[in-house]
Protein backbone atom coordinates (compact mmCIF):
# COMPACT_ATOMS: atom_id res chain seq x y z
CA MET A 1 -100.77 101.96 69.18
CA ARG A 2 -98.44 104.85 69.64
CA ARG A 3 -101.55 107.11 70.04
CA ALA A 4 -102.28 104.32 73.20
CA ARG A 5 -99.17 104.45 74.67
CA VAL A 6 -98.81 108.21 74.49
CA ILE A 7 -102.16 108.45 76.32
CA VAL A 8 -101.20 105.27 78.87
CA LEU A 9 -97.86 107.69 79.43
CA VAL A 10 -99.90 111.16 79.98
CA VAL A 11 -102.41 109.56 82.21
CA VAL A 12 -99.62 107.60 84.05
CA GLY A 13 -97.83 111.31 84.42
CA VAL A 14 -101.09 113.00 85.83
CA ALA A 15 -101.55 110.43 88.53
CA LEU A 16 -97.76 110.39 89.54
CA PHE A 17 -97.83 114.17 89.74
CA LEU A 18 -101.30 113.97 91.94
CA VAL A 19 -99.72 111.68 94.43
CA ILE A 20 -96.06 113.56 94.87
CA SER A 21 -98.59 116.79 95.26
CA ALA A 22 -100.81 115.43 97.79
CA LEU A 23 -97.58 113.82 99.70
CA LEU A 24 -96.09 117.37 99.65
CA ALA A 25 -98.93 119.03 100.63
CA ARG A 26 -99.16 116.74 103.73
CA VAL A 27 -95.53 117.91 104.47
CA LEU A 28 -96.16 121.16 104.42
CA SER A 29 -99.31 121.28 106.26
CA VAL A 30 -97.44 119.95 109.43
CA GLY A 31 -96.62 123.15 110.38
CA GLY A 32 -100.24 124.54 110.51
CA ALA A 33 -100.75 121.86 112.48
CA GLU A 34 -98.19 122.57 114.84
CA ASP A 35 -99.00 126.19 115.09
CA SER A 36 -102.48 125.46 116.08
CA ALA A 37 -101.78 123.02 118.87
CA ILE A 38 -99.33 125.77 120.14
CA THR A 39 -102.37 128.53 119.94
CA ALA A 40 -104.83 126.44 121.40
CA LEU A 41 -102.49 125.72 124.12
CA VAL A 42 -101.78 129.55 124.25
CA ARG A 43 -105.49 130.44 124.40
CA ALA A 44 -106.20 127.97 127.52
CA GLU A 45 -103.14 129.49 129.28
CA ALA A 46 -104.43 133.01 128.89
CA ARG A 47 -107.72 131.79 130.06
CA GLY A 48 -106.27 130.12 133.04
CA ASP A 49 -108.00 126.98 132.09
CA ARG A 50 -105.52 124.89 133.98
CA ALA A 51 -107.63 121.86 132.73
CA ALA A 52 -107.31 122.61 128.85
CA VAL A 53 -103.47 123.30 129.00
CA GLN A 54 -103.46 119.45 131.00
CA ALA A 55 -105.01 118.39 127.65
CA ALA A 56 -103.14 120.26 125.23
CA ILE A 57 -99.93 118.36 126.61
CA THR A 58 -99.51 114.58 125.70
CA GLY A 59 -99.27 112.40 128.93
CA CYS A 60 -99.60 115.34 131.25
CA ALA A 61 -102.20 114.12 133.63
CA ARG A 62 -99.91 110.90 134.17
CA ARG A 63 -97.40 113.19 135.19
CA PRO A 64 -97.26 115.54 138.67
CA ALA A 65 -94.45 117.84 137.44
CA CYS A 66 -96.47 118.31 134.18
CA GLN A 67 -99.32 118.91 136.17
CA ALA A 68 -97.94 121.61 138.46
CA ARG A 69 -96.05 123.47 135.32
CA ALA A 70 -99.69 123.30 133.90
CA ALA A 71 -101.33 124.80 137.07
CA SER A 72 -98.55 127.07 137.36
CA VAL A 73 -98.27 128.71 133.76
CA ALA A 74 -102.23 128.86 133.94
CA ALA A 75 -102.41 130.90 136.94
CA THR A 76 -99.51 133.49 136.12
CA LEU A 77 -100.37 133.94 132.70
CA LYS A 78 -103.70 134.16 132.62
CA ARG A 79 -104.95 137.65 131.08
CA ALA A 80 -108.01 139.19 129.92
CA GLY A 81 -109.07 139.91 126.17
CA THR A 82 -108.39 138.54 122.65
CA VAL A 83 -105.16 136.43 122.45
CA GLN A 84 -102.63 137.11 119.23
CA ILE A 85 -100.06 135.31 118.25
CA VAL A 86 -96.88 137.79 117.11
CA GLN A 87 -94.74 134.62 116.13
CA ILE A 88 -94.01 130.99 116.23
CA GLN A 89 -90.66 130.00 115.59
CA PRO A 90 -91.31 126.27 114.63
CA SER A 91 -89.71 123.30 116.31
CA ALA A 92 -88.35 121.91 112.94
CA GLY A 93 -87.80 122.95 109.52
CA PHE A 94 -88.96 120.80 106.36
CA SER A 95 -88.48 116.97 107.40
CA LEU A 96 -89.82 113.81 105.57
CA GLY A 97 -89.73 111.61 108.97
CA ALA A 98 -90.75 112.18 112.86
CA THR A 99 -89.06 115.19 114.75
CA THR A 100 -88.73 116.51 118.30
CA GLY A 101 -87.83 119.89 118.58
CA THR A 102 -88.52 123.40 120.68
CA ALA A 103 -90.67 126.11 119.32
CA ARG A 104 -91.00 129.51 120.71
CA VAL A 105 -93.94 131.47 120.76
CA VAL A 106 -94.60 134.89 121.69
CA TRP A 107 -97.91 136.19 122.25
CA LEU A 108 -100.33 139.10 123.73
CA ALA A 109 -103.25 138.91 125.28
CA GLY A 110 -105.64 142.50 125.65
CA GLY A 111 -103.36 145.24 126.09
CA SER A 112 -100.65 142.96 128.01
CA LEU A 113 -96.74 143.21 127.19
CA PRO A 114 -95.69 140.31 125.01
CA ARG A 115 -95.24 137.10 126.56
CA VAL A 116 -92.79 134.33 125.19
CA GLN A 117 -92.53 130.72 125.87
CA CYS A 118 -90.98 127.70 124.70
CA VAL A 119 -93.04 124.81 123.83
CA ARG A 120 -91.50 120.92 123.32
CA VAL A 121 -93.39 119.63 120.13
CA ARG A 122 -92.72 115.80 118.74
CA ARG A 123 -93.82 115.73 114.98
CA ALA A 124 -94.91 112.12 114.98
CA GLY A 125 -95.88 109.82 111.74
CA GLY A 126 -94.12 109.94 108.31
CA VAL A 127 -95.35 111.27 104.49
CA LEU A 128 -97.11 107.90 103.97
CA ALA A 129 -98.89 107.33 107.52
CA GLY A 130 -99.57 111.04 107.88
CA TYR A 131 -98.17 113.05 110.87
CA ARG A 132 -99.50 113.78 114.45
CA VAL A 133 -98.02 117.03 116.29
CA GLN A 134 -98.06 116.16 119.89
CA LEU A 135 -97.12 118.92 122.68
CA LEU A 136 -94.87 117.55 125.46
CA GLU A 137 -93.74 120.42 127.56
CA VAL A 138 -94.55 123.98 128.13
CA SER A 139 -92.19 126.42 129.74
CA ALA A 140 -92.63 129.06 131.97
CA ARG A 141 -92.48 132.63 130.72
CA ILE A 142 -89.16 133.54 129.65
CA ARG A 143 -87.63 136.82 128.94
CA THR A 144 -88.59 138.57 125.80
CA ASN A 145 -84.92 138.71 124.21
CA ALA A 146 -84.16 134.97 125.19
CA ASP A 147 -83.56 131.75 123.86
CA CYS A 148 -85.36 128.86 124.95
CA PRO A 149 -83.35 126.73 127.11
CA ALA A 150 -82.24 123.44 126.86
CA HIS A 151 -84.23 121.93 129.83
CA TYR A 152 -87.23 123.63 131.11
């Protein structure tokens, strides 16, 4: 009888550990998803692909100001060569719930000087339902040593 209790407790403990580990992995992976979404956006800009820039930004196709910004950044930031991400400062730190914040990305293309931009990011969802990363807005190029503005 005692041996059966110990086995049950061990099985419950292992199951609980696995569930907590899976939920923690989900929380920690949202940062990688944000980095991937921003990298895809930057690559589209470097190609000069206005349509891909618009597609990367949630709801951009329905907002004329966003469409104009997408066309502008695709035209002005177009650069031949391989895109290299120098740094991404994430929009938020560790969070169990949904957040909205601004990420700062520094990137190079070919032999260019660094380009710095800000991206408004929403991390929607939660631990149990899963997370979705949505890019909401992208800034024009800012100075290399500048912080992200409050509005862009």
